[in-house]
Amino acid sequence: MGKGIAMTDPSDLIRRASELSERADHEENIETRDRLLRMAAYYVSIAESEEWLAAHPASIASVGDLLKKP
């Protein structure tokens, strides 16, 4: 994995979250609907994390600086 490259494409995760939400809208079983919605929210959270990581790549130097601080 190179610097600044997300492990998973955030747009794929958002698409999948949308599909799960759509399935939840048509689900009659409350437990299943809630689980689908939790999964969708988790996918969105992962997508946001991947986008942030891509925009803020960590360098060895910056990690080393953090370790040196008291």
N, C-alpha and C. Protein backbone atom coordinates (compact mmCIF):
# COMPACT_ATOMS: atom_id res chain seq x y z
N MET A 1 0.84 -1.18 0.00
CA MET A 1 0.00 0.00 0.00
C MET A 1 0.88 1.23 0.00
N GLY A 2 0.68 2.12 -0.94
CA GLY A 2 1.48 3.33 -1.04
C GLY A 2 0.95 4.42 -0.14
N LYS A 3 1.73 5.48 -0.03
CA LYS A 3 1.32 6.61 0.80
C LYS A 3 0.06 7.24 0.24
N GLY A 4 -0.91 7.51 1.14
CA GLY A 4 -2.10 8.24 0.75
C GLY A 4 -3.11 7.46 -0.05
N ILE A 5 -2.94 6.15 -0.14
CA ILE A 5 -3.88 5.35 -0.91
C ILE A 5 -4.77 4.58 0.06
N ALA A 6 -6.08 4.75 -0.09
CA ALA A 6 -7.03 4.06 0.78
C ALA A 6 -7.00 2.56 0.49
N MET A 7 -7.19 1.79 1.54
CA MET A 7 -7.21 0.34 1.38
C MET A 7 -8.46 -0.11 0.63
N THR A 8 -9.55 0.56 0.88
CA THR A 8 -10.81 0.24 0.25
C THR A 8 -11.35 1.52 -0.38
N ASP A 9 -11.88 1.41 -1.57
CA ASP A 9 -12.41 2.59 -2.25
C ASP A 9 -13.65 3.09 -1.50
N PRO A 10 -13.60 4.30 -0.95
CA PRO A 10 -14.74 4.83 -0.20
C PRO A 10 -16.04 4.85 -1.00
N SER A 11 -15.96 5.09 -2.31
CA SER A 11 -17.19 5.13 -3.10
C SER A 11 -17.86 3.76 -3.15
N ASP A 12 -17.06 2.69 -3.13
CA ASP A 12 -17.63 1.34 -3.08
C ASP A 12 -18.33 1.10 -1.75
N LEU A 13 -17.73 1.58 -0.67
CA LEU A 13 -18.33 1.43 0.64
C LEU A 13 -19.64 2.22 0.75
N ILE A 14 -19.65 3.42 0.21
CA ILE A 14 -20.86 4.25 0.24
C ILE A 14 -21.96 3.59 -0.60
N ARG A 15 -21.58 3.05 -1.74
CA ARG A 15 -22.55 2.36 -2.59
C ARG A 15 -23.16 1.17 -1.85
N ARG A 16 -22.31 0.41 -1.19
CA ARG A 16 -22.77 -0.76 -0.44
C ARG A 16 -23.67 -0.33 0.72
N ALA A 17 -23.32 0.75 1.39
CA ALA A 17 -24.15 1.27 2.48
C ALA A 17 -25.53 1.66 1.96
N SER A 18 -25.55 2.27 0.79
CA SER A 18 -26.83 2.65 0.18
C SER A 18 -27.68 1.42 -0.13
N GLU A 19 -27.03 0.38 -0.65
CA GLU A 19 -27.75 -0.87 -0.95
C GLU A 19 -28.32 -1.49 0.33
N LEU A 20 -27.54 -1.48 1.40
CA LEU A 20 -28.01 -2.04 2.66
C LEU A 20 -29.18 -1.23 3.22
N SER A 21 -29.10 0.09 3.11
CA SER A 21 -30.20 0.94 3.58
C SER A 21 -31.47 0.68 2.78
N GLU A 22 -31.30 0.50 1.47
CA GLU A 22 -32.44 0.21 0.60
C GLU A 22 -33.08 -1.12 1.00
N ARG A 23 -32.26 -2.12 1.25
CA ARG A 23 -32.78 -3.42 1.71
C ARG A 23 -33.51 -3.27 3.03
N ALA A 24 -32.96 -2.45 3.93
CA ALA A 24 -33.59 -2.25 5.24
C ALA A 24 -34.97 -1.60 5.09
N ASP A 25 -35.10 -0.70 4.13
CA ASP A 25 -36.38 -0.03 3.90
C ASP A 25 -37.49 -1.02 3.54
N HIS A 26 -37.11 -2.14 2.96
CA HIS A 26 -38.11 -3.12 2.51
C HIS A 26 -38.18 -4.34 3.42
N GLU A 27 -37.40 -4.33 4.49
CA GLU A 27 -37.36 -5.47 5.41
C GLU A 27 -38.48 -5.36 6.44
N GLU A 28 -39.22 -6.45 6.60
CA GLU A 28 -40.33 -6.46 7.56
C GLU A 28 -39.85 -6.80 8.97
N ASN A 29 -38.85 -7.65 9.07
CA ASN A 29 -38.35 -8.07 10.37
C ASN A 29 -37.54 -6.93 11.00
N ILE A 30 -37.97 -6.47 12.16
CA ILE A 30 -37.35 -5.31 12.80
C ILE A 30 -35.89 -5.58 13.14
N GLU A 31 -35.58 -6.76 13.66
CA GLU A 31 -34.20 -7.07 14.02
C GLU A 31 -33.29 -7.07 12.79
N THR A 32 -33.79 -7.65 11.71
CA THR A 32 -33.01 -7.69 10.47
C THR A 32 -32.83 -6.28 9.92
N ARG A 33 -33.91 -5.48 9.95
CA ARG A 33 -33.84 -4.10 9.46
C ARG A 33 -32.80 -3.30 10.27
N ASP A 34 -32.84 -3.45 11.60
CA ASP A 34 -31.88 -2.73 12.44
C ASP A 34 -30.46 -3.17 12.16
N ARG A 35 -30.26 -4.45 11.95
CA ARG A 35 -28.92 -4.96 11.65
C ARG A 35 -28.41 -4.41 10.32
N LEU A 36 -29.27 -4.37 9.31
CA LEU A 36 -28.89 -3.82 8.01
C LEU A 36 -28.51 -2.35 8.13
N LEU A 37 -29.27 -1.60 8.93
CA LEU A 37 -28.98 -0.18 9.11
C LEU A 37 -27.68 0.04 9.88
N ARG A 38 -27.40 -0.81 10.86
CA ARG A 38 -26.12 -0.72 11.58
C ARG A 38 -24.96 -1.03 10.65
N MET A 39 -25.14 -2.05 9.79
CA MET A 39 -24.10 -2.39 8.83
C MET A 39 -23.86 -1.22 7.88
N ALA A 40 -24.93 -0.60 7.41
CA ALA A 40 -24.81 0.54 6.50
C ALA A 40 -24.06 1.68 7.18
N ALA A 41 -24.38 1.96 8.42
CA ALA A 41 -23.70 3.03 9.15
C ALA A 41 -22.22 2.70 9.33
N TYR A 42 -21.91 1.44 9.58
CA TYR A 42 -20.53 1.01 9.72
C TYR A 42 -19.76 1.21 8.41
N TYR A 43 -20.38 0.87 7.29
CA TYR A 43 -19.74 1.07 5.98
C TYR A 43 -19.44 2.55 5.74
N VAL A 44 -20.38 3.41 6.10
CA VAL A 44 -20.18 4.85 5.93
C VAL A 44 -19.01 5.31 6.81
N SER A 45 -18.96 4.82 8.04
CA SER A 45 -17.88 5.16 8.95
C SER A 45 -16.52 4.73 8.39
N ILE A 46 -16.46 3.53 7.84
CA ILE A 46 -15.20 3.05 7.25
C ILE A 46 -14.82 3.93 6.06
N ALA A 47 -15.81 4.28 5.23
CA ALA A 47 -15.54 5.13 4.06
C ALA A 47 -14.97 6.48 4.50
N GLU A 48 -15.56 7.06 5.55
CA GLU A 48 -15.07 8.35 6.05
C GLU A 48 -13.64 8.21 6.56
N SER A 49 -13.34 7.11 7.25
CA SER A 49 -11.99 6.88 7.75
C SER A 49 -11.00 6.72 6.61
N GLU A 50 -11.40 5.98 5.59
CA GLU A 50 -10.53 5.77 4.43
C GLU A 50 -10.25 7.09 3.71
N GLU A 51 -11.29 7.93 3.60
CA GLU A 51 -11.11 9.23 2.95
C GLU A 51 -10.15 10.10 3.77
N TRP A 52 -10.30 10.08 5.09
CA TRP A 52 -9.42 10.87 5.94
C TRP A 52 -7.98 10.37 5.84
N LEU A 53 -7.80 9.05 5.89
CA LEU A 53 -6.46 8.49 5.79
C LEU A 53 -5.80 8.83 4.46
N ALA A 54 -6.57 8.82 3.39
CA ALA A 54 -6.03 9.17 2.08
C ALA A 54 -5.61 10.64 2.02
N ALA A 55 -6.36 11.50 2.72
CA ALA A 55 -6.07 12.92 2.71
C ALA A 55 -4.97 13.31 3.70
N HIS A 56 -4.70 12.44 4.68
CA HIS A 56 -3.73 12.74 5.73
C HIS A 56 -2.77 11.56 5.91
N PRO A 57 -1.94 11.29 4.92
CA PRO A 57 -1.03 10.16 5.04
C PRO A 57 0.00 10.39 6.14
N ALA A 58 0.25 9.36 6.91
CA ALA A 58 1.27 9.43 7.96
C ALA A 58 2.64 9.11 7.35
N SER A 59 3.62 9.86 7.75
CA SER A 59 4.98 9.58 7.30
C SER A 59 5.76 9.00 8.47
N ILE A 60 6.81 8.33 8.16
CA ILE A 60 7.68 7.77 9.20
C ILE A 60 8.20 8.91 10.09
N ALA A 61 8.54 10.03 9.51
CA ALA A 61 9.07 11.15 10.27
C ALA A 61 8.02 11.68 11.27
N SER A 62 6.78 11.82 10.83
CA SER A 62 5.75 12.34 11.73
C SER A 62 5.45 11.36 12.86
N VAL A 63 5.48 10.07 12.59
CA VAL A 63 5.27 9.08 13.63
C VAL A 63 6.44 9.12 14.60
N GLY A 64 7.64 9.25 14.10
CA GLY A 64 8.83 9.35 14.95
C GLY A 64 8.77 10.57 15.84
N ASP A 65 8.30 11.70 15.31
CA ASP A 65 8.15 12.92 16.11
C ASP A 65 7.17 12.71 17.26
N LEU A 66 6.08 11.99 17.01
CA LEU A 66 5.11 11.72 18.05
C LEU A 66 5.71 10.88 19.17
N LEU A 67 6.56 9.94 18.81
CA LEU A 67 7.17 9.07 19.80
C LEU A 67 8.21 9.80 20.65
N LYS A 68 8.80 10.85 20.11
CA LYS A 68 9.83 11.61 20.82
C LYS A 68 9.24 12.60 21.82
N LYS A 69 7.98 13.00 21.63
CA LYS A 69 7.37 14.01 22.50
C LYS A 69 7.14 13.41 23.88
N PRO A 70 7.37 14.25 24.94
CA PRO A 70 7.18 13.77 26.32
C PRO A 70 5.71 13.56 26.66
